[in-house]
Amino acid sequence: MYLAVSDSLAPEAVLPRLRGRLGRPYEHVGSTPSTQLLLKPDAPEGAVVAAEEQTAGRGRLGRRWFAPAGTSLLCSLQLRPASPTERLPELTGFAARACAEAIAGVTGLEPELKFPNDVLVGGRKVAGILAEAREGRVVLGIGINVNVPASELPADVAHPATSLLAETGRELDRAELLAELLVRLERRYDAWLSGAP
């Protein structure tokens, strides 16, 4: 597995960095078909599951999300918004903006958004969001190509992919990026709950 000790998503690496209410409780697994399946219906708002590898990860329209083990930020977040059902699709957009802000904050890159759920750097996809509403909750799945070497990025995809490693030339601490992502998500989520666009 391509995983440095300083680049772990284990609880001991993530929990001390959390700066808000999202990410509690936090669960970390080595491999799963999809983090979307691990958040139980009764998990509280703010619960997060992160994985080193997804064997059946998917994006919008059922597209497969490929990431070598130990190289990406793959997580799902449980939200329980007391909002009308017709507003729930807006969650994808605010999550994509929060993801772009977190990437910019940690790397200095200037990501762009491709409606409705992709985050691009230099016109290539670096992250994707998948929001699924079910049973009075929304499970927000996020995948970010972090330390994927350029040689391991999928070449046979409809839209070219990139990674933060390929764009910056340096490996990044995924726990730091996750903590930044959760802070940005919390700010945007609270603004959304208050009715802000």
Protein backbone atom coordinates (compact mmCIF):
# COMPACT_ATOMS: atom_id res chain seq x y z
CA MET A 1 0.00 0.00 0.00
CA TYR A 2 1.28 3.45 -0.92
CA LEU A 3 1.00 5.03 2.55
CA ALA A 4 3.51 7.02 4.55
CA VAL A 5 3.20 7.18 8.34
CA SER A 6 2.85 10.97 8.13
CA ASP A 7 0.03 10.60 5.63
CA SER A 8 -2.53 8.56 7.52
CA LEU A 9 -6.28 9.01 7.82
CA ALA A 10 -6.31 6.98 11.06
CA PRO A 11 -8.22 8.57 13.95
CA GLU A 12 -5.04 9.51 15.82
CA ALA A 13 -3.94 11.57 12.80
CA VAL A 14 -7.32 13.18 12.09
CA LEU A 15 -9.12 13.79 15.40
CA PRO A 16 -6.52 16.16 16.95
CA ARG A 17 -6.82 18.37 13.84
CA LEU A 18 -10.60 18.76 13.79
CA ARG A 19 -11.68 22.33 14.47
CA GLY A 20 -15.47 22.08 14.36
CA ARG A 21 -18.37 19.74 14.96
CA LEU A 22 -18.15 17.81 11.66
CA GLY A 23 -16.05 14.66 11.79
CA ARG A 24 -17.40 13.43 15.10
CA PRO A 25 -17.80 10.50 15.38
CA TYR A 26 -15.02 9.51 12.98
CA GLU A 27 -14.43 6.04 11.54
CA HIS A 28 -11.51 4.89 9.41
CA VAL A 29 -11.31 1.67 7.38
CA GLY A 30 -8.62 0.18 5.19
CA SER A 31 -10.80 -0.94 2.31
CA THR A 32 -14.51 -0.82 1.49
CA PRO A 33 -16.64 -1.04 -1.63
CA SER A 34 -17.83 2.52 -0.89
CA THR A 35 -17.78 4.81 2.15
CA GLN A 36 -21.36 5.76 1.20
CA LEU A 37 -22.46 2.33 2.46
CA LEU A 38 -20.75 2.55 5.86
CA LEU A 39 -22.73 5.42 7.43
CA LYS A 40 -25.59 3.81 9.30
CA PRO A 41 -29.07 5.38 9.15
CA ASP A 42 -28.93 6.20 12.87
CA ALA A 43 -25.47 7.81 12.76
CA PRO A 44 -25.59 11.40 14.04
CA GLU A 45 -25.15 14.48 11.90
CA GLY A 46 -21.46 15.16 11.41
CA ALA A 47 -20.40 11.50 11.42
CA VAL A 48 -17.60 10.79 8.92
CA VAL A 49 -16.22 7.55 7.48
CA ALA A 50 -12.92 7.64 5.58
CA ALA A 51 -11.22 4.83 3.69
CA GLU A 52 -7.77 4.17 2.30
CA GLU A 53 -9.32 2.38 -0.67
CA GLN A 54 -12.72 2.00 -2.32
CA THR A 55 -13.19 -1.07 -4.48
CA ALA A 56 -16.50 0.05 -5.96
CA GLY A 57 -16.35 3.82 -5.56
CA ARG A 58 -18.63 5.74 -7.88
CA GLY A 59 -19.49 9.22 -8.88
CA ARG A 60 -22.47 10.87 -10.46
CA LEU A 61 -24.49 8.78 -12.95
CA GLY A 62 -22.83 5.63 -11.59
CA ARG A 63 -19.40 6.46 -13.03
CA ARG A 64 -16.57 4.56 -11.37
CA TRP A 65 -14.15 6.44 -9.11
CA PHE A 66 -10.66 4.91 -9.33
CA ALA A 67 -7.97 5.59 -6.72
CA PRO A 68 -4.93 3.48 -5.78
CA ALA A 69 -4.95 2.46 -2.10
CA GLY A 70 -3.54 5.02 0.33
CA THR A 71 -3.33 7.90 -2.15
CA SER A 72 -6.66 9.72 -2.00
CA LEU A 73 -9.09 11.34 0.38
CA LEU A 74 -12.20 9.15 0.20
CA CYS A 75 -14.88 9.95 2.74
CA SER A 76 -18.59 10.26 3.41
CA LEU A 77 -20.30 12.70 5.75
CA GLN A 78 -23.73 12.33 7.33
CA LEU A 79 -25.99 15.40 7.31
CA ARG A 80 -29.52 15.73 8.66
CA PRO A 81 -30.74 19.06 7.29
CA ALA A 82 -34.16 20.25 8.45
CA SER A 83 -34.81 21.69 5.00
CA PRO A 84 -37.43 21.13 2.31
CA THR A 85 -36.65 18.19 0.04
CA GLU A 86 -36.50 20.45 -3.01
CA ARG A 87 -33.48 22.26 -1.52
CA LEU A 88 -31.40 19.10 -0.98
CA PRO A 89 -29.81 19.09 -4.48
CA GLU A 90 -28.14 22.39 -3.48
CA LEU A 91 -25.94 20.42 -1.07
CA THR A 92 -23.84 19.10 -3.96
CA GLY A 93 -22.96 22.62 -5.06
CA PHE A 94 -21.99 23.94 -1.65
CA ALA A 95 -19.92 20.81 -0.98
CA ALA A 96 -18.06 21.25 -4.28
CA ARG A 97 -17.31 24.89 -3.39
CA ALA A 98 -16.09 23.87 0.08
CA CYS A 99 -13.88 21.20 -1.50
CA ALA A 100 -12.36 23.71 -3.91
CA GLU A 101 -11.73 26.15 -1.03
CA ALA A 102 -10.04 23.45 1.06
CA ILE A 103 -7.77 22.45 -1.83
CA ALA A 104 -6.86 26.10 -2.44
CA GLY A 105 -6.19 26.65 1.26
CA VAL A 106 -3.83 23.68 1.58
CA THR A 107 -2.08 23.83 -1.81
CA GLY A 108 -2.35 27.39 -3.15
CA LEU A 109 -3.88 26.00 -6.35
CA GLU A 110 -6.92 27.68 -7.90
CA PRO A 111 -9.50 24.94 -8.52
CA GLU A 112 -12.53 25.52 -10.73
CA LEU A 113 -15.98 23.99 -10.47
CA LYS A 114 -17.67 22.03 -13.23
CA PHE A 115 -21.40 21.92 -12.56
CA PRO A 116 -22.80 20.12 -10.73
CA ASN A 117 -20.23 18.10 -8.79
CA ASP A 118 -16.68 18.14 -10.16
CA VAL A 119 -13.64 20.09 -8.98
CA LEU A 120 -11.03 20.73 -11.66
CA VAL A 121 -7.44 21.94 -11.68
CA GLY A 122 -6.14 23.04 -15.06
CA GLY A 123 -9.23 21.62 -16.71
CA ARG A 124 -8.63 18.14 -15.26
CA LYS A 125 -10.76 16.48 -12.58
CA VAL A 126 -9.17 16.33 -9.15
CA ALA A 127 -12.27 15.77 -6.99
CA GLY A 128 -15.91 14.78 -7.15
CA ILE A 129 -18.95 15.01 -4.89
CA LEU A 130 -21.86 12.59 -4.58
CA ALA A 131 -24.84 13.57 -2.40
CA GLU A 132 -27.50 10.94 -1.77
CA ALA A 133 -30.69 11.70 0.17
CA ARG A 134 -32.29 8.78 1.99
CA GLU A 135 -34.31 8.12 5.13
CA GLY A 136 -34.33 11.72 6.36
CA ARG A 137 -30.60 12.18 5.90
CA VAL A 138 -28.07 13.12 3.24
CA VAL A 139 -24.87 11.13 2.78
CA LEU A 140 -22.28 13.35 1.18
CA GLY A 141 -19.48 11.41 -0.52
CA ILE A 142 -16.25 13.17 -1.45
CA GLY A 143 -13.28 11.84 -3.39
CA ILE A 144 -10.09 13.85 -3.90
CA ASN A 145 -7.04 12.60 -5.82
CA VAL A 146 -4.30 13.67 -3.41
CA ASN A 147 -1.05 11.71 -3.65
CA VAL A 148 -1.81 9.75 -6.82
CA PRO A 149 1.33 9.69 -9.02
CA ALA A 150 0.70 10.98 -12.55
CA SER A 151 1.61 7.54 -13.91
CA GLU A 152 -1.24 5.95 -11.92
CA LEU A 153 -4.00 8.33 -12.94
CA PRO A 154 -6.64 6.66 -15.11
CA ALA A 155 -6.04 7.31 -18.78
CA ASP A 156 -9.15 5.66 -20.21
CA VAL A 157 -11.74 8.02 -18.75
CA ALA A 158 -14.06 10.41 -20.55
CA HIS A 159 -12.69 13.38 -18.62
CA PRO A 160 -8.95 13.73 -17.93
CA ALA A 161 -7.93 13.31 -14.29
CA THR A 162 -5.19 14.87 -12.20
CA SER A 163 -4.03 14.79 -8.59
CA LEU A 164 -2.74 17.34 -6.11
CA LEU A 165 0.64 15.58 -6.23
CA ALA A 166 0.75 15.90 -10.02
CA GLU A 167 -0.20 19.58 -9.84
CA THR A 168 2.04 20.69 -6.93
CA GLY A 169 4.97 18.27 -7.27
CA ARG A 170 4.78 17.37 -3.57
CA GLU A 171 2.97 14.87 -1.39
CA LEU A 172 0.31 16.29 0.90
CA ASP A 173 -0.91 15.29 4.33
CA ARG A 174 -4.39 13.88 3.74
CA ALA A 175 -5.39 14.32 7.41
CA GLU A 176 -4.63 18.05 7.14
CA LEU A 177 -6.69 18.28 3.96
CA LEU A 178 -9.60 16.40 5.56
CA ALA A 179 -9.61 18.71 8.58
CA GLU A 180 -9.59 21.76 6.30
CA LEU A 181 -12.36 20.27 4.17
CA LEU A 182 -14.60 19.67 7.19
CA VAL A 183 -14.13 23.23 8.45
CA ARG A 184 -15.04 24.65 5.02
CA LEU A 185 -18.03 22.31 4.73
CA GLU A 186 -19.28 23.33 8.17
CA ARG A 187 -19.14 27.04 7.30
CA ARG A 188 -20.97 26.58 4.03
CA TYR A 189 -23.48 24.16 5.53
CA ASP A 190 -24.36 26.56 8.36
CA ALA A 191 -24.78 29.40 5.86
CA TRP A 192 -26.98 27.16 3.70
CA LEU A 193 -29.12 26.17 6.69
CA SER A 194 -29.63 29.85 7.48
CA GLY A 195 -30.98 30.39 3.96
CA ALA A 196 -27.92 31.94 2.35
CA PRO A 197 -27.46 31.06 -1.36
